Amino acid sequence: MLAANIAADLDDWLRLLVLHDQEDPVDAEPQTMRMRIYHQTGRLVRHARIRHLRLDASWPWSAAFALAWNRLTSPYQVT
């Protein structure tokens, strides 16, 4: 039960802090977040000490995922 509560809290914090200005994920249920955001196919590659995230362009919610990734990996950047 503790693991389920931690997962629910992480999901809520992700929506509150990272995806606050996106319309769909703000009010989404955990099942919807799982299918739209967490099941995104992609590949994390490293070249010249820089991490690049390559996403599937045909995924409908890849823009929201890329926005969340950019906000989480650069915490000192003000958006």
N, C-alpha and C. Protein backbone atom coordinates (compact mmCIF):
# COMPACT_ATOMS: atom_id res chain seq x y z
N MET A 1 0.82 -1.17 0.00
CA MET A 1 0.00 0.00 0.00
C MET A 1 0.88 1.26 0.00
N LEU A 2 2.01 1.19 0.67
CA LEU A 2 2.91 2.33 0.69
C LEU A 2 3.45 2.64 -0.70
N ALA A 3 3.79 1.61 -1.46
CA ALA A 3 4.29 1.82 -2.82
C ALA A 3 3.23 2.46 -3.71
N ALA A 4 1.98 2.06 -3.55
CA ALA A 4 0.89 2.65 -4.33
C ALA A 4 0.69 4.11 -3.96
N ASN A 5 0.81 4.44 -2.69
CA ASN A 5 0.67 5.83 -2.26
C ASN A 5 1.81 6.69 -2.77
N ILE A 6 3.02 6.15 -2.76
CA ILE A 6 4.17 6.90 -3.28
C ILE A 6 4.01 7.14 -4.78
N ALA A 7 3.56 6.13 -5.51
CA ALA A 7 3.35 6.29 -6.96
C ALA A 7 2.27 7.33 -7.24
N ALA A 8 1.20 7.33 -6.47
CA ALA A 8 0.13 8.32 -6.66
C ALA A 8 0.65 9.72 -6.35
N ASP A 9 1.46 9.85 -5.31
CA ASP A 9 2.02 11.16 -4.98
C ASP A 9 2.96 11.66 -6.06
N LEU A 10 3.81 10.80 -6.59
CA LEU A 10 4.71 11.20 -7.68
C LEU A 10 3.94 11.62 -8.92
N ASP A 11 2.86 10.92 -9.20
CA ASP A 11 2.02 11.27 -10.34
C ASP A 11 1.39 12.64 -10.14
N ASP A 12 0.89 12.90 -8.95
CA ASP A 12 0.30 14.20 -8.66
C ASP A 12 1.32 15.33 -8.73
N TRP A 13 2.51 15.10 -8.19
CA TRP A 13 3.54 16.13 -8.23
C TRP A 13 4.01 16.40 -9.65
N LEU A 14 4.06 15.36 -10.47
CA LEU A 14 4.44 15.57 -11.88
C LEU A 14 3.44 16.48 -12.57
N ARG A 15 2.16 16.20 -12.35
CA ARG A 15 1.14 17.04 -12.98
C ARG A 15 1.14 18.46 -12.42
N LEU A 16 1.38 18.60 -11.12
CA LEU A 16 1.33 19.91 -10.49
C LEU A 16 2.52 20.79 -10.86
N LEU A 17 3.71 20.22 -10.85
CA LEU A 17 4.92 21.02 -11.06
C LEU A 17 5.39 21.11 -12.50
N VAL A 18 5.17 20.06 -13.28
CA VAL A 18 5.76 20.02 -14.61
C VAL A 18 4.73 20.24 -15.71
N LEU A 19 3.57 19.66 -15.57
CA LEU A 19 2.56 19.75 -16.62
C LEU A 19 1.40 20.66 -16.23
N HIS A 20 1.65 21.67 -15.46
CA HIS A 20 0.59 22.54 -14.96
C HIS A 20 -0.08 23.38 -16.04
N ASP A 21 0.61 23.68 -17.13
CA ASP A 21 0.04 24.53 -18.17
C ASP A 21 -0.49 23.74 -19.36
N GLN A 22 -0.47 22.42 -19.29
CA GLN A 22 -1.03 21.57 -20.34
C GLN A 22 -2.48 21.24 -19.99
N GLU A 23 -3.36 21.24 -20.97
CA GLU A 23 -4.78 21.05 -20.70
C GLU A 23 -5.13 19.61 -20.31
N ASP A 24 -4.68 18.64 -21.07
CA ASP A 24 -5.08 17.26 -20.85
C ASP A 24 -4.53 16.65 -19.56
N PRO A 25 -3.25 16.72 -19.28
CA PRO A 25 -2.72 16.00 -18.11
C PRO A 25 -3.11 16.57 -16.76
N VAL A 26 -3.57 17.81 -16.68
CA VAL A 26 -3.85 18.41 -15.38
C VAL A 26 -4.96 17.67 -14.65
N ASP A 27 -6.03 17.34 -15.33
CA ASP A 27 -7.16 16.67 -14.70
C ASP A 27 -7.23 15.19 -15.03
N ALA A 28 -6.17 14.63 -15.54
CA ALA A 28 -6.19 13.23 -15.99
C ALA A 28 -6.13 12.27 -14.81
N GLU A 29 -6.78 11.15 -14.98
CA GLU A 29 -6.72 10.06 -14.01
C GLU A 29 -5.38 9.35 -14.14
N PRO A 30 -4.97 8.57 -13.14
CA PRO A 30 -3.69 7.85 -13.24
C PRO A 30 -3.61 6.90 -14.44
N GLN A 31 -4.71 6.25 -14.78
CA GLN A 31 -4.71 5.36 -15.94
C GLN A 31 -4.46 6.15 -17.23
N THR A 32 -5.03 7.33 -17.34
CA THR A 32 -4.82 8.16 -18.52
C THR A 32 -3.38 8.64 -18.59
N MET A 33 -2.82 9.05 -17.46
CA MET A 33 -1.42 9.47 -17.43
C MET A 33 -0.51 8.31 -17.82
N ARG A 34 -0.84 7.13 -17.36
CA ARG A 34 -0.02 5.96 -17.67
C ARG A 34 -0.02 5.69 -19.17
N MET A 35 -1.16 5.78 -19.79
CA MET A 35 -1.25 5.47 -21.21
C MET A 35 -0.68 6.59 -22.09
N ARG A 36 -0.80 7.83 -21.66
CA ARG A 36 -0.36 8.95 -22.51
C ARG A 36 1.08 9.37 -22.28
N ILE A 37 1.51 9.41 -21.04
CA ILE A 37 2.82 9.95 -20.74
C ILE A 37 3.84 8.85 -20.47
N TYR A 38 3.51 7.91 -19.61
CA TYR A 38 4.49 6.93 -19.16
C TYR A 38 4.78 5.84 -20.17
N HIS A 39 3.91 5.61 -21.12
CA HIS A 39 4.15 4.58 -22.13
C HIS A 39 4.76 5.14 -23.40
N GLN A 40 5.31 6.32 -23.33
CA GLN A 40 5.96 6.94 -24.48
C GLN A 40 7.19 6.14 -24.89
N THR A 41 7.28 5.82 -26.16
CA THR A 41 8.47 5.11 -26.64
C THR A 41 9.53 6.13 -27.03
N GLY A 42 10.72 5.84 -26.69
CA GLY A 42 11.81 6.74 -27.00
C GLY A 42 13.14 6.11 -26.67
N ARG A 43 14.18 6.84 -26.97
CA ARG A 43 15.52 6.34 -26.72
C ARG A 43 16.37 7.48 -26.17
N LEU A 44 17.04 7.20 -25.08
CA LEU A 44 17.94 8.18 -24.49
C LEU A 44 19.35 7.86 -24.98
N VAL A 45 19.94 8.81 -25.72
CA VAL A 45 21.27 8.60 -26.27
C VAL A 45 22.20 9.68 -25.71
N ARG A 46 23.46 9.37 -25.70
CA ARG A 46 24.45 10.30 -25.21
C ARG A 46 25.51 10.49 -26.28
N HIS A 47 25.76 11.75 -26.59
CA HIS A 47 26.76 12.09 -27.60
C HIS A 47 27.51 13.32 -27.12
N ALA A 48 28.81 13.23 -27.06
CA ALA A 48 29.66 14.33 -26.64
C ALA A 48 29.26 14.86 -25.27
N ARG A 49 28.98 13.93 -24.35
CA ARG A 49 28.60 14.23 -22.96
C ARG A 49 27.29 14.99 -22.84
N ILE A 50 26.48 14.94 -23.85
CA ILE A 50 25.17 15.59 -23.82
C ILE A 50 24.11 14.51 -24.03
N ARG A 51 23.09 14.53 -23.19
CA ARG A 51 22.00 13.56 -23.33
C ARG A 51 20.96 14.09 -24.30
N HIS A 52 20.53 13.24 -25.20
CA HIS A 52 19.47 13.56 -26.15
C HIS A 52 18.37 12.53 -25.99
N LEU A 53 17.15 12.99 -25.99
CA LEU A 53 16.01 12.10 -25.91
C LEU A 53 15.33 12.07 -27.27
N ARG A 54 15.32 10.91 -27.89
CA ARG A 54 14.68 10.76 -29.20
C ARG A 54 13.33 10.11 -29.01
N LEU A 55 12.29 10.84 -29.38
CA LEU A 55 10.92 10.38 -29.20
C LEU A 55 10.30 9.99 -30.53
N ASP A 56 9.30 9.15 -30.44
CA ASP A 56 8.53 8.77 -31.61
C ASP A 56 7.65 9.95 -32.01
N ALA A 57 7.84 10.48 -33.18
CA ALA A 57 7.13 11.69 -33.62
C ALA A 57 5.64 11.44 -33.85
N SER A 58 5.25 10.20 -34.07
CA SER A 58 3.85 9.92 -34.35
C SER A 58 3.01 9.78 -33.09
N TRP A 59 3.63 9.75 -31.90
CA TRP A 59 2.88 9.64 -30.65
C TRP A 59 2.14 10.95 -30.40
N PRO A 60 0.84 10.93 -30.16
CA PRO A 60 0.07 12.17 -30.04
C PRO A 60 0.47 13.07 -28.88
N TRP A 61 1.02 12.51 -27.82
CA TRP A 61 1.35 13.31 -26.64
C TRP A 61 2.85 13.46 -26.46
N SER A 62 3.60 13.36 -27.54
CA SER A 62 5.05 13.48 -27.41
C SER A 62 5.47 14.91 -27.04
N ALA A 63 4.68 15.90 -27.41
CA ALA A 63 5.03 17.28 -27.04
C ALA A 63 4.93 17.49 -25.53
N ALA A 64 3.90 16.93 -24.91
CA ALA A 64 3.76 17.03 -23.46
C ALA A 64 4.87 16.28 -22.75
N PHE A 65 5.25 15.13 -23.28
CA PHE A 65 6.33 14.35 -22.68
C PHE A 65 7.66 15.09 -22.81
N ALA A 66 7.91 15.67 -23.98
CA ALA A 66 9.15 16.42 -24.19
C ALA A 66 9.21 17.65 -23.28
N LEU A 67 8.08 18.31 -23.10
CA LEU A 67 8.03 19.46 -22.20
C LEU A 67 8.35 19.03 -20.77
N ALA A 68 7.75 17.93 -20.33
CA ALA A 68 8.02 17.42 -18.98
C ALA A 68 9.48 17.02 -18.84
N TRP A 69 10.03 16.38 -19.84
CA TRP A 69 11.44 15.98 -19.79
C TRP A 69 12.36 17.19 -19.69
N ASN A 70 12.09 18.21 -20.50
CA ASN A 70 12.93 19.42 -20.47
C ASN A 70 12.83 20.14 -19.14
N ARG A 71 11.65 20.21 -18.58
CA ARG A 71 11.50 20.88 -17.30
C ARG A 71 12.13 20.10 -16.15
N LEU A 72 12.12 18.79 -16.23
CA LEU A 72 12.71 17.99 -15.16
C LEU A 72 14.22 17.92 -15.25
N THR A 73 14.78 17.94 -16.45
CA THR A 73 16.23 17.79 -16.59
C THR A 73 16.97 19.11 -16.50
N SER A 74 16.29 20.22 -16.60
CA SER A 74 16.94 21.52 -16.43
C SER A 74 16.19 22.30 -15.35
N PRO A 75 16.42 21.97 -14.08
CA PRO A 75 15.62 22.57 -13.00
C PRO A 75 15.90 24.05 -12.76
N TYR A 76 17.02 24.56 -13.22
CA TYR A 76 17.33 25.96 -12.97
C TYR A 76 16.87 26.88 -14.08
N GLN A 77 16.26 26.31 -15.09
CA GLN A 77 15.76 27.10 -16.20
C GLN A 77 14.37 27.59 -15.86
N VAL A 78 14.14 28.88 -15.93
CA VAL A 78 12.83 29.46 -15.62
C VAL A 78 12.02 29.49 -16.90
N THR A 79 10.81 28.89 -16.85
CA THR A 79 9.94 28.90 -18.03
C THR A 79 8.69 29.66 -17.77
